[in-house]
C-alpha atoms as a PDB file:
ATOM      1  CA  UNK A   1      -3.810  21.914  -7.957  1.00  0.00           C
ATOM      2  CA  UNK A   2      -6.556  19.680  -9.298  1.00  0.00           C
ATOM      3  CA  UNK A   3      -6.281  16.935 -11.892  1.00  0.00           C
ATOM      4  CA  UNK A   4      -9.744  17.156 -13.419  1.00  0.00           C
ATOM      5  CA  UNK A   5      -9.619  14.166 -15.778  1.00  0.00           C
ATOM      6  CA  UNK A   6     -10.089  12.474 -18.048  1.00  0.00           C
ATOM      7  CA  UNK A   7     -11.283   9.218 -16.529  1.00  0.00           C
ATOM      8  CA  UNK A   8      -9.159   6.136 -17.343  1.00  0.00           C
ATOM      9  CA  UNK A   9      -6.299   8.324 -18.549  1.00  0.00           C
ATOM     10  CA  UNK A  10      -3.769   7.784 -15.751  1.00  0.00           C
ATOM     11  CA  UNK A  11      -5.190  10.034 -13.025  1.00  0.00           C
ATOM     12  CA  UNK A  12      -4.794   7.387 -10.297  1.00  0.00           C
ATOM     13  CA  UNK A  13      -1.144   6.836 -11.170  1.00  0.00           C
ATOM     14  CA  UNK A  14      -0.516  10.580 -11.135  1.00  0.00           C
ATOM     15  CA  UNK A  15      -2.141  10.808  -7.699  1.00  0.00           C
ATOM     16  CA  UNK A  16       0.189   8.063  -6.442  1.00  0.00           C
ATOM     17  CA  UNK A  17       3.224   9.945  -7.775  1.00  0.00           C
ATOM     18  CA  UNK A  18       2.157  13.289  -6.321  1.00  0.00           C
ATOM     19  CA  UNK A  19       1.647  11.639  -2.951  1.00  0.00           C
ATOM     20  CA  UNK A  20       5.360  10.811  -2.855  1.00  0.00           C
ATOM     21  CA  UNK A  21       6.523  14.421  -3.148  1.00  0.00           C
ATOM     22  CA  UNK A  22       7.560  15.995   0.180  1.00  0.00           C
ATOM     23  CA  UNK A  23       6.068  19.362  -0.746  1.00  0.00           C
ATOM     24  CA  UNK A  24       2.686  18.029  -1.857  1.00  0.00           C
ATOM     25  CA  UNK A  25      -0.300  17.309   0.366  1.00  0.00           C
ATOM     26  CA  UNK A  26      -2.858  15.110  -1.373  1.00  0.00           C
ATOM     27  CA  UNK A  27      -6.468  14.454  -0.506  1.00  0.00           C
ATOM     28  CA  UNK A  28      -7.103  11.548   1.864  1.00  0.00           C
ATOM     29  CA  UNK A  29      -9.029   9.792  -0.866  1.00  0.00           C
ATOM     30  CA  UNK A  30      -8.081  10.335  -4.468  1.00  0.00           C
ATOM     31  CA  UNK A  31     -11.569  11.572  -5.406  1.00  0.00           C
ATOM     32  CA  UNK A  32     -13.466  13.694  -2.915  1.00  0.00           C
ATOM     33  CA  UNK A  33     -16.269  14.685  -5.343  1.00  0.00           C
ATOM     34  CA  UNK A  34     -16.308  17.976  -3.405  1.00  0.00           C
ATOM     35  CA  UNK A  35     -16.853  20.151  -6.486  1.00  0.00           C
ATOM     36  CA  UNK A  36     -19.380  17.704  -7.930  1.00  0.00           C
ATOM     37  CA  UNK A  37     -21.512  16.880  -4.891  1.00  0.00           C
ATOM     38  CA  UNK A  38     -23.682  19.898  -4.124  1.00  0.00           C
ATOM     39  CA  UNK A  39     -24.168  18.903  -0.473  1.00  0.00           C
ATOM     40  CA  UNK A  40     -20.417  18.669   0.105  1.00  0.00           C
ATOM     41  CA  UNK A  41     -19.738  21.903  -1.750  1.00  0.00           C
ATOM     42  CA  UNK A  42     -22.391  23.698   0.318  1.00  0.00           C
ATOM     43  CA  UNK A  43     -20.245  23.121   3.431  1.00  0.00           C
ATOM     44  CA  UNK A  44     -17.838  25.729   2.114  1.00  0.00           C
ATOM     45  CA  UNK A  45     -14.268  25.862   0.876  1.00  0.00           C
ATOM     46  CA  UNK A  46     -12.793  25.825   4.387  1.00  0.00           C
ATOM     47  CA  UNK A  47     -14.299  22.385   4.866  1.00  0.00           C
ATOM     48  CA  UNK A  48     -12.486  21.240   1.730  1.00  0.00           C
ATOM     49  CA  UNK A  49      -9.095  22.481   2.895  1.00  0.00           C
ATOM     50  CA  UNK A  50      -9.525  21.431   6.527  1.00  0.00           C
ATOM     51  CA  UNK A  51     -11.095  17.998   6.212  1.00  0.00           C
ATOM     52  CA  UNK A  52     -10.136  16.425   2.901  1.00  0.00           C
ATOM     53  CA  UNK A  53      -6.337  16.653   2.817  1.00  0.00           C
ATOM     54  CA  UNK A  54      -3.463  14.743   4.361  1.00  0.00           C
ATOM     55  CA  UNK A  55      -1.801  17.808   5.845  1.00  0.00           C
ATOM     56  CA  UNK A  56       1.955  17.481   6.321  1.00  0.00           C
ATOM     57  CA  UNK A  57       4.732  19.858   7.394  1.00  0.00           C
ATOM     58  CA  UNK A  58       6.397  21.743   4.592  1.00  0.00           C
ATOM     59  CA  UNK A  59       3.644  21.201   2.021  1.00  0.00           C
ATOM     60  CA  UNK A  60       3.316  24.044  -0.468  1.00  0.00           C
ATOM     61  CA  UNK A  61       0.987  22.386  -2.966  1.00  0.00           C
ATOM     62  CA  UNK A  62      -2.377  20.741  -2.356  1.00  0.00           C
ATOM     63  CA  UNK A  63      -3.484  18.149  -4.871  1.00  0.00           C
ATOM     64  CA  UNK A  64      -6.624  16.233  -5.758  1.00  0.00           C
ATOM     65  CA  UNK A  65      -7.377  14.030  -8.786  1.00  0.00           C
ATOM     66  CA  UNK A  66     -11.058  13.591  -9.579  1.00  0.00           C
ATOM     67  CA  UNK A  67     -11.879  12.881 -13.243  1.00  0.00           C
ATOM     68  CA  UNK A  68     -15.565  13.667 -12.888  1.00  0.00           C
ATOM     69  CA  UNK A  69     -14.733  17.379 -12.596  1.00  0.00           C
ATOM     70  CA  UNK A  70     -13.802  17.783 -16.247  1.00  0.00           C
ATOM     71  CA  UNK A  71     -17.027  16.238 -17.537  1.00  0.00           C
ATOM     72  CA  UNK A  72     -19.794  17.021 -15.055  1.00  0.00           C
ATOM     73  CA  UNK A  73     -21.586  20.354 -15.365  1.00  0.00           C
ATOM     74  CA  UNK A  74     -20.564  23.134 -13.000  1.00  0.00           C
ATOM     75  CA  UNK A  75     -17.459  21.578 -11.431  1.00  0.00           C
ATOM     76  CA  UNK A  76     -14.823  23.740 -13.118  1.00  0.00           C
ATOM     77  CA  UNK A  77     -16.688  26.904 -12.156  1.00  0.00           C
ATOM     78  CA  UNK A  78     -16.867  25.777  -8.532  1.00  0.00           C
ATOM     79  CA  UNK A  79     -13.127  25.099  -8.488  1.00  0.00           C
ATOM     80  CA  UNK A  80     -12.518  28.625  -9.787  1.00  0.00           C
ATOM     81  CA  UNK A  81     -14.847  30.142  -7.180  1.00  0.00           C
ATOM     82  CA  UNK A  82     -13.178  28.220  -4.371  1.00  0.00           C
ATOM     83  CA  UNK A  83      -9.587  28.551  -5.587  1.00  0.00           C
ATOM     84  CA  UNK A  84      -9.296  31.202  -8.322  1.00  0.00           C
ATOM     85  CA  UNK A  85      -5.504  30.820  -8.452  1.00  0.00           C
ATOM     86  CA  UNK A  86      -5.640  27.024  -8.794  1.00  0.00           C
ATOM     87  CA  UNK A  87      -3.737  25.145 -11.464  1.00  0.00           C
ATOM     88  CA  UNK A  88      -5.384  22.319 -13.357  1.00  0.00           C
ATOM     89  CA  UNK A  89      -3.959  19.164 -14.889  1.00  0.00           C
ATOM     90  CA  UNK A  90      -5.792  17.526 -17.794  1.00  0.00           C
ATOM     91  CA  UNK A  91      -4.835  13.990 -18.830  1.00  0.00           C
ATOM     92  CA  UNK A  92      -5.895  12.921 -22.322  1.00  0.00           C
ATOM     93  CA  UNK A  93      -5.990   9.458 -23.866  1.00  0.00           C
ATOM     94  CA  UNK A  94      -6.922   8.005 -27.249  1.00  0.00           C
ATOM     95  CA  UNK A  95     -10.678   8.668 -27.098  1.00  0.00           C
ATOM     96  CA  UNK A  96     -11.794   5.189 -28.161  1.00  0.00           C
ATOM     97  CA  UNK A  97      -9.361   3.369 -25.884  1.00  0.00           C
ATOM     98  CA  UNK A  98     -10.434   5.609 -23.008  1.00  0.00           C
ATOM     99  CA  UNK A  99     -14.132   4.884 -23.632  1.00  0.00           C
ATOM    100  CA  UNK A 100     -13.544   1.143 -23.887  1.00  0.00           C
ATOM    101  CA  UNK A 101     -11.428   1.129 -20.735  1.00  0.00           C
ATOM    102  CA  UNK A 102     -14.233   2.925 -18.898  1.00  0.00           C
ATOM    103  CA  UNK A 103     -16.691   0.331 -20.133  1.00  0.00           C
ATOM    104  CA  UNK A 104     -14.484  -2.546 -18.941  1.00  0.00           C
ATOM    105  CA  UNK A 105     -13.960  -0.918 -15.558  1.00  0.00           C
ATOM    106  CA  UNK A 106     -17.671  -0.567 -14.988  1.00  0.00           C
ATOM    107  CA  UNK A 107     -18.277  -4.117 -16.130  1.00  0.00           C
ATOM    108  CA  UNK A 108     -16.155  -5.174 -13.154  1.00  0.00           C
ATOM    109  CA  UNK A 109     -19.075  -3.947 -11.075  1.00  0.00           C
ATOM    110  CA  UNK A 110     -21.805  -5.259 -13.366  1.00  0.00           C
ATOM    111  CA  UNK A 111     -22.968  -1.766 -14.267  1.00  0.00           C
ATOM    112  CA  UNK A 112     -23.944  -2.798 -17.803  1.00  0.00           C
ATOM    113  CA  UNK A 113     -25.730  -5.801 -19.230  1.00  0.00           C
ATOM    114  CA  UNK A 114     -24.718  -5.240 -22.837  1.00  0.00           C
ATOM    115  CA  UNK A 115     -21.666  -5.378 -25.045  1.00  0.00           C
ATOM    116  CA  UNK A 116     -19.529  -2.323 -25.755  1.00  0.00           C
ATOM    117  CA  UNK A 117     -20.943  -2.150 -29.279  1.00  0.00           C
ATOM    118  CA  UNK A 118     -24.530  -2.260 -28.002  1.00  0.00           C
ATOM    119  CA  UNK A 119     -23.786   0.410 -25.440  1.00  0.00           C
ATOM    120  CA  UNK A 120     -22.257   2.676 -28.105  1.00  0.00           C
ATOM    121  CA  UNK A 121     -25.308   2.233 -30.328  1.00  0.00           C
ATOM    122  CA  UNK A 122     -27.653   3.285 -27.518  1.00  0.00           C
ATOM    123  CA  UNK A 123     -25.514   6.030 -26.002  1.00  0.00           C
ATOM    124  CA  UNK A 124     -26.790   9.018 -27.978  1.00  0.00           C
ATOM    125  CA  UNK A 125     -30.420   8.345 -27.051  1.00  0.00           C
ATOM    126  CA  UNK A 126     -29.561   7.706 -23.413  1.00  0.00           C
ATOM    127  CA  UNK A 127     -27.463  10.788 -22.707  1.00  0.00           C
ATOM    128  CA  UNK A 128     -30.213  13.032 -24.054  1.00  0.00           C
ATOM    129  CA  UNK A 129     -32.404  11.915 -21.138  1.00  0.00           C
ATOM    130  CA  UNK A 130     -30.543  14.011 -18.575  1.00  0.00           C
ATOM    131  CA  UNK A 131     -27.414  14.643 -16.541  1.00  0.00           C
ATOM    132  CA  UNK A 132     -27.648  11.370 -14.606  1.00  0.00           C
ATOM    133  CA  UNK A 133     -27.830   9.288 -17.781  1.00  0.00           C
ATOM    134  CA  UNK A 134     -25.032  11.332 -19.357  1.00  0.00           C
ATOM    135  CA  UNK A 135     -22.719  10.551 -16.454  1.00  0.00           C
ATOM    136  CA  UNK A 136     -23.636   6.874 -16.440  1.00  0.00           C
ATOM    137  CA  UNK A 137     -23.636   6.089 -20.156  1.00  0.00           C
ATOM    138  CA  UNK A 138     -21.565   8.834 -21.774  1.00  0.00           C
ATOM    139  CA  UNK A 139     -18.468   6.743 -22.492  1.00  0.00           C
ATOM    140  CA  UNK A 140     -17.973   8.097 -26.018  1.00  0.00           C
ATOM    141  CA  UNK A 141     -19.305  11.536 -25.136  1.00  0.00           C
ATOM    142  CA  UNK A 142     -16.797  11.831 -22.292  1.00  0.00           C
ATOM    143  CA  UNK A 143     -14.041  11.301 -24.873  1.00  0.00           C
ATOM    144  CA  UNK A 144     -15.070  14.426 -26.787  1.00  0.00           C
ATOM    145  CA  UNK A 145     -12.380  16.569 -25.217  1.00  0.00           C
ATOM    146  CA  UNK A 146     -12.650  19.861 -27.108  1.00  0.00           C
ATOM    147  CA  UNK A 147     -15.910  21.083 -25.488  1.00  0.00           C
ATOM    148  CA  UNK A 148     -14.559  20.172 -22.064  1.00  0.00           C
ATOM    149  CA  UNK A 149     -11.290  22.018 -22.691  1.00  0.00           C
ATOM    150  CA  UNK A 150     -13.136  25.079 -23.961  1.00  0.00           C
ATOM    151  CA  UNK A 151     -15.146  25.076 -20.744  1.00  0.00           C
ATOM    152  CA  UNK A 152     -11.930  24.901 -18.720  1.00  0.00           C
ATOM    153  CA  UNK A 153     -10.475  27.840 -20.641  1.00  0.00           C
ATOM    154  CA  UNK A 154     -13.609  29.860 -19.897  1.00  0.00           C
ATOM    155  CA  UNK A 155     -12.677  29.674 -16.206  1.00  0.00           C
ATOM    156  CA  UNK A 156      -8.880  29.367 -16.179  1.00  0.00           C
ATOM    157  CA  UNK A 157      -6.246  30.917 -18.458  1.00  0.00           C
ATOM    158  CA  UNK A 158      -4.251  28.582 -20.676  1.00  0.00           C
ATOM    159  CA  UNK A 159      -1.048  29.144 -18.698  1.00  0.00           C
ATOM    160  CA  UNK A 160      -2.636  27.619 -15.584  1.00  0.00           C
ATOM    161  CA  UNK A 161      -3.629  24.387 -17.346  1.00  0.00           C
ATOM    162  CA  UNK A 162      -1.113  21.581 -17.911  1.00  0.00           C
ATOM    163  CA  UNK A 163      -1.816  18.735 -20.334  1.00  0.00           C
ATOM    164  CA  UNK A 164      -0.518  15.172 -20.073  1.00  0.00           C
ATOM    165  CA  UNK A 165      -0.969  12.649 -22.899  1.00  0.00           C
ATOM    166  CA  UNK A 166      -1.576   9.181 -21.471  1.00  0.00           C
ATOM    167  CA  UNK A 167       0.310   7.256 -24.153  1.00  0.00           C
ATOM    168  CA  UNK A 168       3.442   9.313 -23.522  1.00  0.00           C
ATOM    169  CA  UNK A 169       2.957   9.238 -19.757  1.00  0.00           C
ATOM    170  CA  UNK A 170       2.944   5.445 -19.611  1.00  0.00           C
ATOM    171  CA  UNK A 171       6.004   5.369 -21.848  1.00  0.00           C
ATOM    172  CA  UNK A 172       8.093   7.607 -19.570  1.00  0.00           C
ATOM    173  CA  UNK A 173       6.517   8.645 -16.292  1.00  0.00           C
ATOM    174  CA  UNK A 174       9.766  10.190 -15.018  1.00  0.00           C
ATOM    175  CA  UNK A 175       9.900  12.579 -17.980  1.00  0.00           C
ATOM    176  CA  UNK A 176       6.269  13.666 -17.819  1.00  0.00           C
ATOM    177  CA  UNK A 177       6.183  13.879 -14.038  1.00  0.00           C
ATOM    178  CA  UNK A 178       9.377  15.940 -14.091  1.00  0.00           C
ATOM    179  CA  UNK A 179       7.802  18.355 -16.584  1.00  0.00           C
ATOM    180  CA  UNK A 180       4.767  18.699 -14.334  1.00  0.00           C
ATOM    181  CA  UNK A 181       6.916  19.404 -11.261  1.00  0.00           C
ATOM    182  CA  UNK A 182       8.880  22.026 -13.202  1.00  0.00           C
ATOM    183  CA  UNK A 183       5.625  23.687 -14.298  1.00  0.00           C
ATOM    184  CA  UNK A 184       4.536  23.784 -10.653  1.00  0.00           C
ATOM    185  CA  UNK A 185       7.871  25.140  -9.454  1.00  0.00           C
ATOM    186  CA  UNK A 186       8.490  22.057  -7.322  1.00  0.00           C
ATOM    187  CA  UNK A 187      11.850  20.372  -6.857  1.00  0.00           C
ATOM    188  CA  UNK A 188      12.475  17.352  -9.093  1.00  0.00           C
ATOM    189  CA  UNK A 189      12.533  13.903  -7.530  1.00  0.00           C
ATOM    190  CA  UNK A 190      13.441  10.389  -8.536  1.00  0.00           C
ATOM    191  CA  UNK A 191      10.445   8.103  -8.900  1.00  0.00           C
ATOM    192  CA  UNK A 192       9.670   4.464  -9.363  1.00  0.00           C
ATOM    193  CA  UNK A 193       7.001   4.236 -12.081  1.00  0.00           C
ATOM    194  CA  UNK A 194       3.599   3.196 -10.782  1.00  0.00           C
ATOM    195  CA  UNK A 195       0.668   1.498 -12.450  1.00  0.00           C
ATOM    196  CA  UNK A 196      -2.413   2.140 -10.375  1.00  0.00           C
ATOM    197  CA  UNK A 197      -5.976   1.187 -11.273  1.00  0.00           C
ATOM    198  CA  UNK A 198      -4.707  -0.887 -14.193  1.00  0.00           C
ATOM    199  CA  UNK A 199      -7.058  -1.700 -17.029  1.00  0.00           C
ATOM    200  CA  UNK A 200      -9.061  -4.776 -16.031  1.00  0.00           C
ATOM    201  CA  UNK A 201     -12.090  -6.800 -16.955  1.00  0.00           C
ATOM    202  CA  UNK A 202     -14.288  -9.280 -15.148  1.00  0.00           C
ATOM    203  CA  UNK A 203     -13.329 -12.908 -15.673  1.00  0.00           C
ATOM    204  CA  UNK A 204     -16.955 -13.829 -15.013  1.00  0.00           C
ATOM    205  CA  UNK A 205     -19.713 -11.316 -15.721  1.00  0.00           C
ATOM    206  CA  UNK A 206     -22.132 -13.613 -13.879  1.00  0.00           C
ATOM    207  CA  UNK A 207     -20.006 -13.439 -10.716  1.00  0.00           C
ATOM    208  CA  UNK A 208     -19.707  -9.655 -11.037  1.00  0.00           C
ATOM    209  CA  UNK A 209     -23.481  -9.354 -11.214  1.00  0.00           C
ATOM    210  CA  UNK A 210     -23.901 -11.630  -8.212  1.00  0.00           C
ATOM    211  CA  UNK A 211     -21.472  -9.478  -6.218  1.00  0.00           C
ATOM    212  CA  UNK A 212     -22.570  -5.996  -7.260  1.00  0.00           C
ATOM    213  CA  UNK A 213     -25.822  -5.838  -9.232  1.00  0.00           C
ATOM    214  CA  UNK A 214     -28.791  -4.345  -7.299  1.00  0.00           C
ATOM    215  CA  UNK A 215     -31.010  -7.175  -8.529  1.00  0.00           C
ATOM    216  CA  UNK A 216     -29.018  -9.644  -6.422  1.00  0.00           C
ATOM    217  CA  UNK A 217     -28.992  -7.583  -3.213  1.00  0.00           C
ATOM    218  CA  UNK A 218     -31.427  -9.858  -1.386  1.00  0.00           C
ATOM    219  CA  UNK A 219     -29.479 -12.977  -2.348  1.00  0.00           C
ATOM    220  CA  UNK A 220     -26.221 -11.363  -1.202  1.00  0.00           C
ATOM    221  CA  UNK A 221     -27.848 -10.505   2.099  1.00  0.00           C
ATOM    222  CA  UNK A 222     -29.096 -14.041   2.543  1.00  0.00           C
ATOM    223  CA  UNK A 223     -25.730 -15.612   1.759  1.00  0.00           C
ATOM    224  CA  UNK A 224     -23.805 -13.037   3.746  1.00  0.00           C
ATOM    225  CA  UNK A 225     -25.997 -13.540   6.782  1.00  0.00           C
ATOM    226  CA  UNK A 226     -24.676 -17.074   7.093  1.00  0.00           C
ATOM    227  CA  UNK A 227     -21.126 -15.839   7.710  1.00  0.00           C
ATOM    228  CA  UNK A 228     -19.465 -13.766  10.455  1.00  0.00           C
ATOM    229  CA  UNK A 229     -18.797 -10.161   9.302  1.00  0.00           C
ATOM    230  CA  UNK A 230     -15.001 -10.576   9.195  1.00  0.00           C
ATOM    231  CA  UNK A 231     -15.223 -13.779   7.186  1.00  0.00           C
ATOM    232  CA  UNK A 232     -17.814 -12.247   4.860  1.00  0.00           C
ATOM    233  CA  UNK A 233     -15.612  -9.226   4.148  1.00  0.00           C
ATOM    234  CA  UNK A 234     -12.507 -11.338   3.561  1.00  0.00           C
ATOM    235  CA  UNK A 235     -14.369 -13.721   1.260  1.00  0.00           C
ATOM    236  CA  UNK A 236     -15.806 -10.817  -0.745  1.00  0.00           C
ATOM    237  CA  UNK A 237     -12.370  -9.252  -1.212  1.00  0.00           C
ATOM    238  CA  UNK A 238     -10.843 -12.558  -2.328  1.00  0.00           C
ATOM    239  CA  UNK A 239     -13.668 -13.130  -4.806  1.00  0.00           C
ATOM    240  CA  UNK A 240     -13.287  -9.599  -6.182  1.00  0.00           C
ATOM    241  CA  UNK A 241      -9.533 -10.066  -6.686  1.00  0.00           C
ATOM    242  CA  UNK A 242     -10.006 -13.481  -8.281  1.00  0.00           C
ATOM    243  CA  UNK A 243     -12.572 -12.079 -10.723  1.00  0.00           C
ATOM    244  CA  UNK A 244     -10.329  -9.221 -11.891  1.00  0.00           C
ATOM    245  CA  UNK A 245      -8.293  -9.901 -15.037  1.00  0.00           C
ATOM    246  CA  UNK A 246      -5.657  -7.265 -15.752  1.00  0.00           C
ATOM    247  CA  UNK A 247      -5.378  -6.288 -19.396  1.00  0.00           C
ATOM    248  CA  UNK A 248      -2.653  -4.725 -21.467  1.00  0.00           C
ATOM    249  CA  UNK A 249      -3.064  -1.075 -22.415  1.00  0.00           C
ATOM    250  CA  UNK A 250      -3.129  -1.611 -26.177  1.00  0.00           C
ATOM    251  CA  UNK A 251      -5.536  -2.690 -28.883  1.00  0.00           C
ATOM    252  CA  UNK A 252      -4.871  -6.348 -28.074  1.00  0.00           C
ATOM    253  CA  UNK A 253      -6.931  -5.870 -24.929  1.00  0.00           C
ATOM    254  CA  UNK A 254     -10.115  -7.050 -26.603  1.00  0.00           C
ATOM    255  CA  UNK A 255     -11.409  -4.184 -28.721  1.00  0.00           C
ATOM    256  CA  UNK A 256     -11.900  -5.247 -32.325  1.00  0.00           C
ATOM    257  CA  UNK A 257      -9.350  -3.304 -34.445  1.00  0.00           C
ATOM    258  CA  UNK A 258     -11.854  -2.473 -37.191  1.00  0.00           C
ATOM    259  CA  UNK A 259     -14.406  -1.240 -34.672  1.00  0.00           C
ATOM    260  CA  UNK A 260     -11.678   0.817 -33.030  1.00  0.00           C
ATOM    261  CA  UNK A 261     -10.711   2.438 -36.354  1.00  0.00           C
ATOM    262  CA  UNK A 262     -14.325   3.191 -37.251  1.00  0.00           C
ATOM    263  CA  UNK A 263     -15.068   4.723 -33.872  1.00  0.00           C
ATOM    264  CA  UNK A 264     -11.860   6.727 -33.936  1.00  0.00           C
ATOM    265  CA  UNK A 265     -12.917   8.415 -37.175  1.00  0.00           C
ATOM    266  CA  UNK A 266     -15.839   9.926 -35.283  1.00  0.00           C
ATOM    267  CA  UNK A 267     -13.331  11.777 -33.113  1.00  0.00           C
ATOM    268  CA  UNK A 268     -11.039  13.087 -35.842  1.00  0.00           C
ATOM    269  CA  UNK A 269     -12.581  16.585 -35.958  1.00  0.00           C
ATOM    270  CA  UNK A 270     -12.672  16.830 -32.173  1.00  0.00           C
ATOM    271  CA  UNK A 271      -9.014  15.796 -31.913  1.00  0.00           C
ATOM    272  CA  UNK A 272      -8.094  18.458 -34.477  1.00  0.00           C
ATOM    273  CA  UNK A 273      -9.903  21.028 -32.320  1.00  0.00           C
ATOM    274  CA  UNK A 274      -7.999  19.833 -29.254  1.00  0.00           C
ATOM    275  CA  UNK A 275      -4.688  20.211 -31.077  1.00  0.00           C
ATOM    276  CA  UNK A 276      -5.613  23.764 -32.061  1.00  0.00           C
ATOM    277  CA  UNK A 277      -6.735  24.643 -28.528  1.00  0.00           C
ATOM    278  CA  UNK A 278      -3.744  23.149 -26.745  1.00  0.00           C
ATOM    279  CA  UNK A 279      -0.851  23.034 -29.190  1.00  0.00           C
ATOM    280  CA  UNK A 280      -0.492  19.301 -28.596  1.00  0.00           C
ATOM    281  CA  UNK A 281       0.450  16.824 -31.314  1.00  0.00           C
ATOM    282  CA  UNK A 282      -2.077  13.987 -31.014  1.00  0.00           C
ATOM    283  CA  UNK A 283      -1.381  12.302 -34.330  1.00  0.00           C
ATOM    284  CA  UNK A 284      -0.155   9.191 -32.524  1.00  0.00           C
ATOM    285  CA  UNK A 285      -3.788   8.308 -31.766  1.00  0.00           C
ATOM    286  CA  UNK A 286      -4.335   7.718 -35.487  1.00  0.00           C
ATOM    287  CA  UNK A 287      -0.991   6.072 -36.240  1.00  0.00           C
ATOM    288  CA  UNK A 288      -0.704   2.528 -34.810  1.00  0.00           C
ATOM    289  CA  UNK A 289       3.076   2.442 -35.136  1.00  0.00           C
ATOM    290  CA  UNK A 290       3.462   5.568 -33.013  1.00  0.00           C
ATOM    291  CA  UNK A 291       1.034   4.255 -30.414  1.00  0.00           C
ATOM    292  CA  UNK A 292       2.887   0.927 -30.207  1.00  0.00           C
ATOM    293  CA  UNK A 293       6.152   2.794 -29.727  1.00  0.00           C
ATOM    294  CA  UNK A 294       4.653   4.703 -26.834  1.00  0.00           C
ATOM    295  CA  UNK A 295       3.465   1.640 -24.928  1.00  0.00           C
END
């Protein structure tokens, strides 16, 4: 079973829950990129099964969560070719909140030098430049779920695709996880809710750039060369933790409410298509009271 996305929609938390089940073997790292990276995929499917999973006695289900698979070209077809009987999990989140959360996450690593608004204004021109730019800058485009779901249904029948809505998942993980286990034919289990890869931002963008931006690589090397490797690594980890500010998963997290409403209108037709394709009720994304009740 593969959770193929979407990014910033709870895939890391789902991976942590699946790892707890005695009948599930998960990948050693949450995201192997096996079906995205052509060099890795060229090693063959046996390499995937043999070398990327935490094999354990009694496991009947193998699980990976890699949100790039849903969006990047060719990944779903490679999953089908490697495992034609696979089941897929798709996690969906309010498209604007998902895009903004992706932006904040990448700002932790100084990937952008512009505001969210500026990035949105430039996105359409950037993603037309090619696949690399689409993956890097397609925050809003990645939230257009209907084309991605149609692509999934071209390769897998509807009955082998399970959908999880992020806002409901964070409200009651036990309920949604139990429904997923039932769909998989796995025994139910009691869980302690998890909150992995929580929504965060950089306290200091300047510090994030100093730590991660390619333009500061020489300076990092110079400063790091003054310290023993163990001290350097420990100092870097402490600085990274200190610069991470965890945010709440609601509109109070910093996105201007009017901007959020205006951006959300762009997705109304796409959301309607998703509802028709999946049978889901996604009206809570447009109704603040329902969203607040789910958080």
